[in-house]
Protein backbone atom coordinates (compact mmCIF):
# COMPACT_ATOMS: atom_id res chain seq x y z
CA MET A 1 -0.17 -0.20 0.38
CA SER A 2 3.44 2.41 0.99
CA GLU A 3 3.63 2.80 -2.75
CA LEU A 4 0.80 4.86 -3.16
CA LEU A 5 2.86 7.73 -1.77
CA SER A 6 4.69 9.13 -4.46
CA VAL A 7 8.11 10.30 -3.34
CA GLU A 8 6.98 14.02 -2.70
CA ILE A 9 4.03 12.50 -0.17
CA LEU A 10 7.02 11.10 1.43
CA GLU A 11 8.64 14.51 1.71
CA ASP A 12 6.43 15.55 3.21
CA ILE A 13 5.62 13.26 5.78
CA LEU A 14 8.88 12.71 6.52
CA ALA A 15 9.91 16.82 7.55
CA THR A 16 6.94 17.06 9.49
CA THR A 17 8.56 13.86 12.02
CA GLY A 18 11.70 15.16 11.92
CA ALA A 19 13.27 12.20 10.10
CA THR A 20 15.05 14.15 7.06
CA GLU A 21 18.24 12.76 6.98
CA ASP A 22 19.88 12.17 3.75
CA GLY A 23 18.46 8.17 3.10
CA GLU A 24 15.52 7.84 4.90
CA ILE A 25 13.30 8.72 1.98
CA SER A 26 14.26 6.21 -0.44
CA ARG A 27 14.30 3.40 2.00
CA VAL A 28 10.84 3.89 3.15
CA VAL A 29 9.93 3.91 -1.36
CA GLN A 30 11.94 0.62 -1.44
CA GLY A 31 9.70 -0.76 1.11
CA GLU A 32 11.38 -0.84 4.52
CA PHE A 33 8.64 1.46 6.17
CA PRO A 34 6.41 -2.26 7.54
CA LYS A 35 9.62 -2.93 9.29
CA PHE A 36 9.23 0.50 11.15
CA ASP A 37 13.66 0.01 11.57
CA PHE A 38 14.24 3.44 12.16
CA LYS A 39 16.62 3.38 15.54
CA VAL A 40 16.10 6.57 18.40
CA LYS A 41 18.99 8.53 17.98
CA LYS A 42 20.61 9.83 20.80
CA ARG A 43 19.25 11.80 23.03
CA SER A 44 21.05 14.95 24.04
CA GLU A 45 18.93 15.15 27.90
CA PHE A 46 18.53 12.10 29.77
CA ASP A 47 15.49 11.05 30.57
CA LEU A 48 16.07 11.39 34.70
CA SER A 49 12.63 9.85 35.97
CA ILE A 50 13.89 6.69 35.69
CA PHE A 51 15.82 7.47 38.90
CA GLU A 52 12.51 8.13 41.20
CA ASN A 53 11.31 4.52 41.67
CA SER A 54 14.40 4.00 43.21
CA PHE A 55 15.18 7.42 44.93
CA ASP A 56 10.89 6.25 45.95
CA LEU A 57 12.83 3.19 47.35
CA VAL A 58 15.52 4.81 49.56
CA ARG A 59 12.69 7.64 50.64
CA ALA A 60 10.33 3.91 52.13
CA ALA A 61 13.46 2.69 53.68
CA VAL A 62 14.74 5.75 55.48
CA GLN A 63 11.03 6.31 56.81
CA THR A 64 10.89 2.99 58.10
CA GLU A 65 14.35 2.75 59.45
CA ILE A 66 14.15 6.12 61.57
CA SER A 67 10.28 5.66 62.65
CA SER A 68 11.61 1.96 63.70
CA LEU A 69 14.33 2.85 65.59
CA TYR A 70 14.26 7.05 66.42
CA LEU A 71 11.09 8.67 65.75
CA PRO A 72 7.42 6.80 65.70
CA GLU A 73 5.53 7.27 63.42
CA CYS A 74 7.55 9.48 61.39
CA GLN A 75 6.31 10.94 57.64
CA ILE A 76 8.61 11.11 55.07
CA LYS A 77 8.55 13.40 52.50
CA ARG A 78 10.46 13.76 49.19
CA ASP A 79 11.46 16.18 46.46
CA GLY A 80 11.57 15.12 43.23
CA ALA A 81 15.32 14.39 41.16
CA GLU A 82 17.07 17.46 39.91
CA LEU A 83 20.11 17.75 38.41
CA ILE A 84 22.49 20.02 40.05
CA ASP A 85 26.30 21.67 40.47
CA LEU A 86 26.94 20.83 43.89
CA LYS A 87 29.47 23.51 44.09
CA LYS A 88 25.92 25.66 44.70
CA TYR A 89 23.84 23.48 46.71
CA ASP A 90 24.04 25.49 49.88
CA PHE A 91 22.67 22.37 52.46
CA ARG A 92 26.18 21.00 51.65
CA ALA A 93 27.87 23.10 53.55
CA LYS A 94 25.48 22.80 56.72
CA ALA A 95 25.41 19.07 56.57
CA VAL A 96 28.01 16.16 57.55
CA CYS A 97 28.17 14.03 53.87
CA LEU A 98 28.89 10.64 54.10
CA GLN A 99 30.78 9.13 50.85
CA PHE A 100 29.99 5.97 49.09
CA LYS A 101 31.78 4.09 45.89
CA SER A 102 32.04 1.82 44.04
CA ASN A 103 34.35 -0.19 41.74
CA ALA A 104 31.90 -0.77 38.86
CA ILE A 105 31.65 3.63 38.31
CA PRO A 106 33.91 6.86 38.82
CA GLY A 107 32.48 8.84 41.02
CA SER A 108 31.10 9.31 44.24
CA PHE A 109 27.56 9.01 45.85
CA PHE A 110 26.93 11.18 48.48
CA VAL A 111 24.76 11.66 50.88
CA TYR A 112 24.25 14.46 53.36
CA PHE A 113 22.62 15.30 56.97
CA GLY A 114 21.46 18.41 57.93
CA ARG A 115 23.77 19.07 61.29
CA ASP A 116 20.57 19.54 63.63
CA THR A 117 19.30 16.34 61.65
CA LEU A 118 21.77 14.24 62.45
CA PHE A 119 22.00 15.52 66.23
CA CYS A 120 17.78 15.06 65.88
CA LEU A 121 18.44 11.21 65.24
CA LEU A 122 21.17 11.41 68.39
CA ASN A 123 19.54 12.84 70.84
CA GLU A 124 16.70 10.34 70.13
CA TYR A 125 18.84 6.92 70.00
CA LEU A 126 20.34 7.81 73.49
CA GLY A 127 17.38 8.48 75.20
CA GLY A 128 17.12 11.60 74.66
CA GLY A 129 18.48 14.28 77.15
CA LEU A 130 21.08 16.51 75.04
CA LEU A 131 19.84 19.93 74.80
CA LYS A 132 22.74 20.87 72.56
CA ARG A 133 25.50 19.30 69.80
CA MET A 134 28.09 17.99 72.13
CA SER A 135 30.77 19.61 69.43
CA LYS A 136 31.09 23.56 69.06
CA ASN A 137 32.68 23.35 65.73
CA ASP A 138 30.48 22.84 62.88
CA ASP A 139 34.10 21.43 61.57
CA THR A 140 34.42 18.55 63.61
CA LEU A 141 32.02 14.78 65.12
CA THR A 142 32.90 14.01 68.87
CA ASP A 143 33.90 10.17 68.76
CA ILE A 144 30.03 10.08 69.36
CA GLU A 145 28.77 11.49 66.40
CA VAL A 146 31.09 9.79 64.15
CA SER A 147 30.43 6.18 65.90
CA PHE A 148 26.50 6.96 65.34
CA LEU A 149 27.12 8.08 62.01
CA LYS A 150 29.15 5.20 60.93
CA LYS A 151 25.91 2.67 62.13
CA ILE A 152 23.54 4.97 60.14
CA GLY A 153 26.01 4.91 56.82
CA ALA A 154 26.06 1.26 57.20
CA ARG A 155 22.25 0.43 57.76
CA LEU A 156 21.98 3.54 54.63
CA LEU A 157 24.27 1.38 52.38
CA GLY A 158 21.94 -1.83 52.89
CA PHE A 159 18.74 -0.37 51.17
CA THR A 160 20.82 2.37 48.50
CA ASN A 161 22.36 -0.74 46.70
CA GLU A 162 18.85 -3.44 46.94
CA ALA A 163 17.33 0.14 45.62
CA LEU A 164 20.07 0.72 42.99
CA ASN A 165 19.94 -3.02 41.90
CA ASP A 166 16.97 -2.30 39.82
CA LEU A 167 18.99 0.02 37.63
CA GLU A 168 22.55 -1.19 38.05
CA VAL A 169 24.41 -3.33 40.36
CA LEU A 170 26.96 -1.91 42.27
CA ASN A 171 27.77 -2.72 45.34
CA LEU A 172 28.98 0.13 46.93
CA GLU A 173 30.70 0.67 50.02
CA LEU A 174 30.60 3.50 52.85
CA ALA A 175 34.25 5.38 51.51
CA SER A 176 33.74 8.27 54.40
CA VAL A 177 32.11 9.79 56.90
CA ASN A 178 32.00 13.39 57.77
CA LEU A 179 34.10 14.17 54.39
CA SER A 180 36.27 17.05 54.27
CA GLU A 181 34.79 20.12 51.81
CA SER A 182 37.79 19.77 49.92
CA GLU A 183 38.02 15.81 49.63
CA GLN A 184 33.99 16.54 48.25
CA LYS A 185 35.28 19.12 45.63
CA LYS A 186 37.12 16.91 43.92
CA SER A 187 33.83 15.44 42.81
CA PHE A 188 32.62 18.79 41.53
CA GLU A 189 33.49 18.47 38.01
CA ASN A 190 30.35 16.54 36.91
CA PRO A 191 27.18 17.50 38.06
CA HIS A 192 24.98 15.33 40.78
CA LEU A 193 21.36 14.18 40.71
CA VAL A 194 19.85 15.08 44.09
CA THR A 195 16.52 14.57 46.31
CA GLU A 196 16.31 15.76 48.92
CA LEU A 197 14.19 13.72 51.75
CA TYR A 198 11.94 15.80 54.39
CA PHE A 199 10.42 14.91 58.09
CA SER A 200 9.33 17.26 60.98
CA HIS A 201 9.39 16.73 65.26
CA LYS A 202 8.68 18.78 67.41
CA ASP A 203 7.44 22.19 65.09
CA THR A 204 10.75 21.42 63.44
CA GLU A 205 11.80 19.69 59.83
CA PHE A 206 14.97 17.76 59.22
CA LYS A 207 16.26 16.73 55.66
CA ILE A 208 18.53 14.53 54.53
CA ALA A 209 20.21 14.81 50.99
CA PHE A 210 21.35 11.71 48.16
CA THR A 211 22.98 12.57 45.58
CA VAL A 212 23.85 10.56 42.32
CA PRO A 213 27.44 11.68 40.07
CA SER A 214 26.69 12.38 36.55
CA GLU A 215 29.27 9.36 35.47
CA PHE A 216 26.20 6.80 36.98
CA LEU A 217 23.53 8.51 34.45
CA THR A 218 26.03 8.48 31.25
CA HIS A 219 26.24 4.65 32.79
CA MET A 220 22.84 4.24 32.56
CA GLN A 221 22.10 6.18 29.34
CA GLU A 222 24.31 3.64 27.36
CA LYS A 223 23.13 0.87 29.02
CA LEU A 224 19.63 0.96 28.36
CA SER A 225 20.56 2.69 24.11
CA ASP A 226 22.69 -0.22 23.92
CA GLU A 227 20.49 -3.13 25.74
CA GLY A 228 16.95 -4.89 24.85
CA ASP A 229 15.75 -5.74 21.02
CA ASP A 230 15.33 -3.60 17.91
CA SER A 231 12.04 -3.17 19.06
CA GLN A 232 12.98 -1.16 22.31
CA LYS A 233 15.50 1.02 20.14
CA ARG A 234 12.64 2.22 18.34
CA ASP A 235 11.89 5.67 19.67
CA PRO A 236 8.14 5.42 19.89
CA GLU A 237 7.16 8.71 19.96
CA TRP A 238 9.28 9.42 16.26
CA GLN A 239 7.08 5.79 15.33
CA HIS A 240 3.97 6.91 16.54
CA ALA A 241 3.73 10.16 14.76
CA ILE A 242 5.47 8.18 10.82
CA THR A 243 2.85 6.13 11.56
CA ASN A 244 -0.02 8.15 12.15
CA ALA A 245 1.62 10.31 9.44
CA PHE A 246 1.43 8.13 7.45
CA PHE A 247 -1.86 6.47 7.70
CA THR A 248 -3.54 10.21 7.75
CA ALA A 249 -1.69 11.33 4.38
CA LYS A 250 -3.75 12.14 1.19
CA ILE A 251 -3.68 10.00 -1.65
CA PRO A 252 -4.35 12.17 -5.30
CA LEU A 253 -5.97 9.77 -7.41
CA VAL A 254 -7.76 10.64 -11.18
CA VAL A 255 -10.58 8.61 -12.11
CA SER A 256 -11.31 8.06 -16.12
CA LEU A 257 -14.16 7.86 -17.60
CA GLY A 258 -12.85 6.79 -20.84
CA SER A 259 -11.36 8.20 -24.00
CA PHE A 260 -11.85 9.28 -27.54
CA LYS A 261 -10.77 10.86 -30.97
CA ILE A 262 -12.14 13.49 -32.75
CA PRO A 263 -10.40 14.98 -35.57
CA PHE A 264 -8.23 18.16 -35.42
CA ALA A 265 -10.78 20.61 -37.09
CA LYS A 266 -13.49 20.52 -35.14
CA SER A 267 -11.67 20.52 -32.00
CA ILE A 268 -10.86 24.23 -33.18
CA THR A 269 -13.97 24.97 -33.74
CA LEU A 270 -15.26 23.71 -30.14
CA LYS A 271 -17.20 26.31 -28.43
CA GLU A 272 -19.13 26.40 -25.13
CA GLY A 273 -22.48 24.63 -25.14
CA ASP A 274 -21.14 21.95 -27.38
CA PHE A 275 -21.76 18.04 -27.73
CA LEU A 276 -19.79 15.66 -27.92
CA PRO A 277 -20.56 12.51 -29.28
CA TRP A 278 -19.03 9.51 -27.46
CA ASP A 279 -19.41 6.08 -28.36
CA ARG A 280 -19.80 4.49 -24.80
CA SER A 281 -21.42 1.37 -23.14
CA GLY A 282 -20.65 -0.22 -19.29
CA ASN A 283 -19.25 1.58 -16.47
CA GLN A 284 -15.88 1.35 -16.31
CA VAL A 285 -13.63 3.48 -14.63
CA VAL A 286 -10.04 3.93 -14.21
CA LEU A 287 -8.43 5.64 -12.18
CA PHE A 288 -4.16 7.41 -12.15
CA GLN A 289 -2.10 8.10 -9.73
CA GLY A 290 0.16 11.28 -11.77
CA GLU A 291 0.50 8.85 -15.34
CA GLU A 292 0.34 5.87 -13.72
CA VAL A 293 -2.57 3.60 -13.71
CA ARG A 294 -3.55 2.19 -10.62
CA MET A 295 -6.57 0.33 -10.40
CA LYS A 296 -9.91 -0.65 -12.45
CA GLY A 297 -13.46 -0.84 -11.09
CA ASN A 298 -16.95 0.68 -12.10
CA LEU A 299 -18.68 3.72 -11.20
CA GLY A 300 -22.16 3.69 -8.65
CA VAL A 301 -23.62 5.16 -6.28
CA VAL A 302 -22.37 5.26 -2.30
CA ASN A 303 -24.61 7.12 0.27
CA GLU A 304 -26.18 9.49 -3.19
CA GLN A 305 -22.21 10.50 -4.32
CA PHE A 306 -20.60 9.22 -6.83
CA ALA A 307 -18.22 5.97 -5.85
CA VAL A 308 -15.42 3.48 -7.95
CA ARG A 309 -15.58 -0.10 -6.39
CA VAL A 310 -12.13 -1.18 -7.42
CA ASN A 311 -11.65 -4.63 -9.17
CA GLU A 312 -8.05 -4.42 -9.89
CA VAL A 313 -5.20 -2.87 -9.01
CA PHE A 314 -1.81 -2.38 -10.47
CA GLN A 315 1.79 -3.04 -8.60
CA SER A 316 3.79 0.52 -9.27
CA THR A 317 6.23 0.75 -11.80
CA LYS A 318 8.23 3.02 -10.92
CA GLN A 319 11.54 2.26 -8.32
CA GLY A 320 12.51 3.60 -5.91
């Protein structure tokens, strides 16, 4: 059926659906269209939504952890993931940093605890009674704070690995507790995907941030582009657009009732109102596309409109 489409119509279809590269039109004319073998082009922007489910798993695990060990009935809320420059991330400068690394990819995964968040959890862990942080220096932690943070890091490590396993087996390891500003900056060359978790306690809001390095995003983008069969490599939006464009394209056809000859002398004396005798019987007609005969049929009426019942369909003699 695609043979009914002229090159001009194909050019219009492909231009409107984004397939303007050389060779695409001839491929369709040659009959490749039914295979839908136009592969998805590499996107300039990665679909970050694939991480949302993993971050939701992390949020649920953190809520279970905090509500069971520290704050009963604690409700954790989460902001959507956003790709940002950690150098300009204000919360980072006011937080304690846990660093996780994997041999599978370069770059570091960070978890940032607000210092007030850490103090709140530690206070509840110790049964209350702490009135203020033990260390007055915001750049250092006391031994008990470090020990407590390692305990939290070990727990985070387990369910973060489990959550990310839906995307990739990373085998993350806890590389550092309370990583210094200078050490963090070594990983700031590329942006990070960041999601923030919130919970409230005694009318105060506390925050924890999880970050994923862009190296992992690149790794996932390449993996998703390479894996799967041909049907998974096709761009569904473009496939739908070109399918719709093909099926709604208007194909010009000309219905010919027949032909006859008249003398030249008669042709040069014709004027408006003259009749031309035509010795014709039957109601057979011929349908042309351009100069080619494509169908033969019979003229009739359907729903009070002229119609042609198709009796024969001819293949195009044009080469793609």
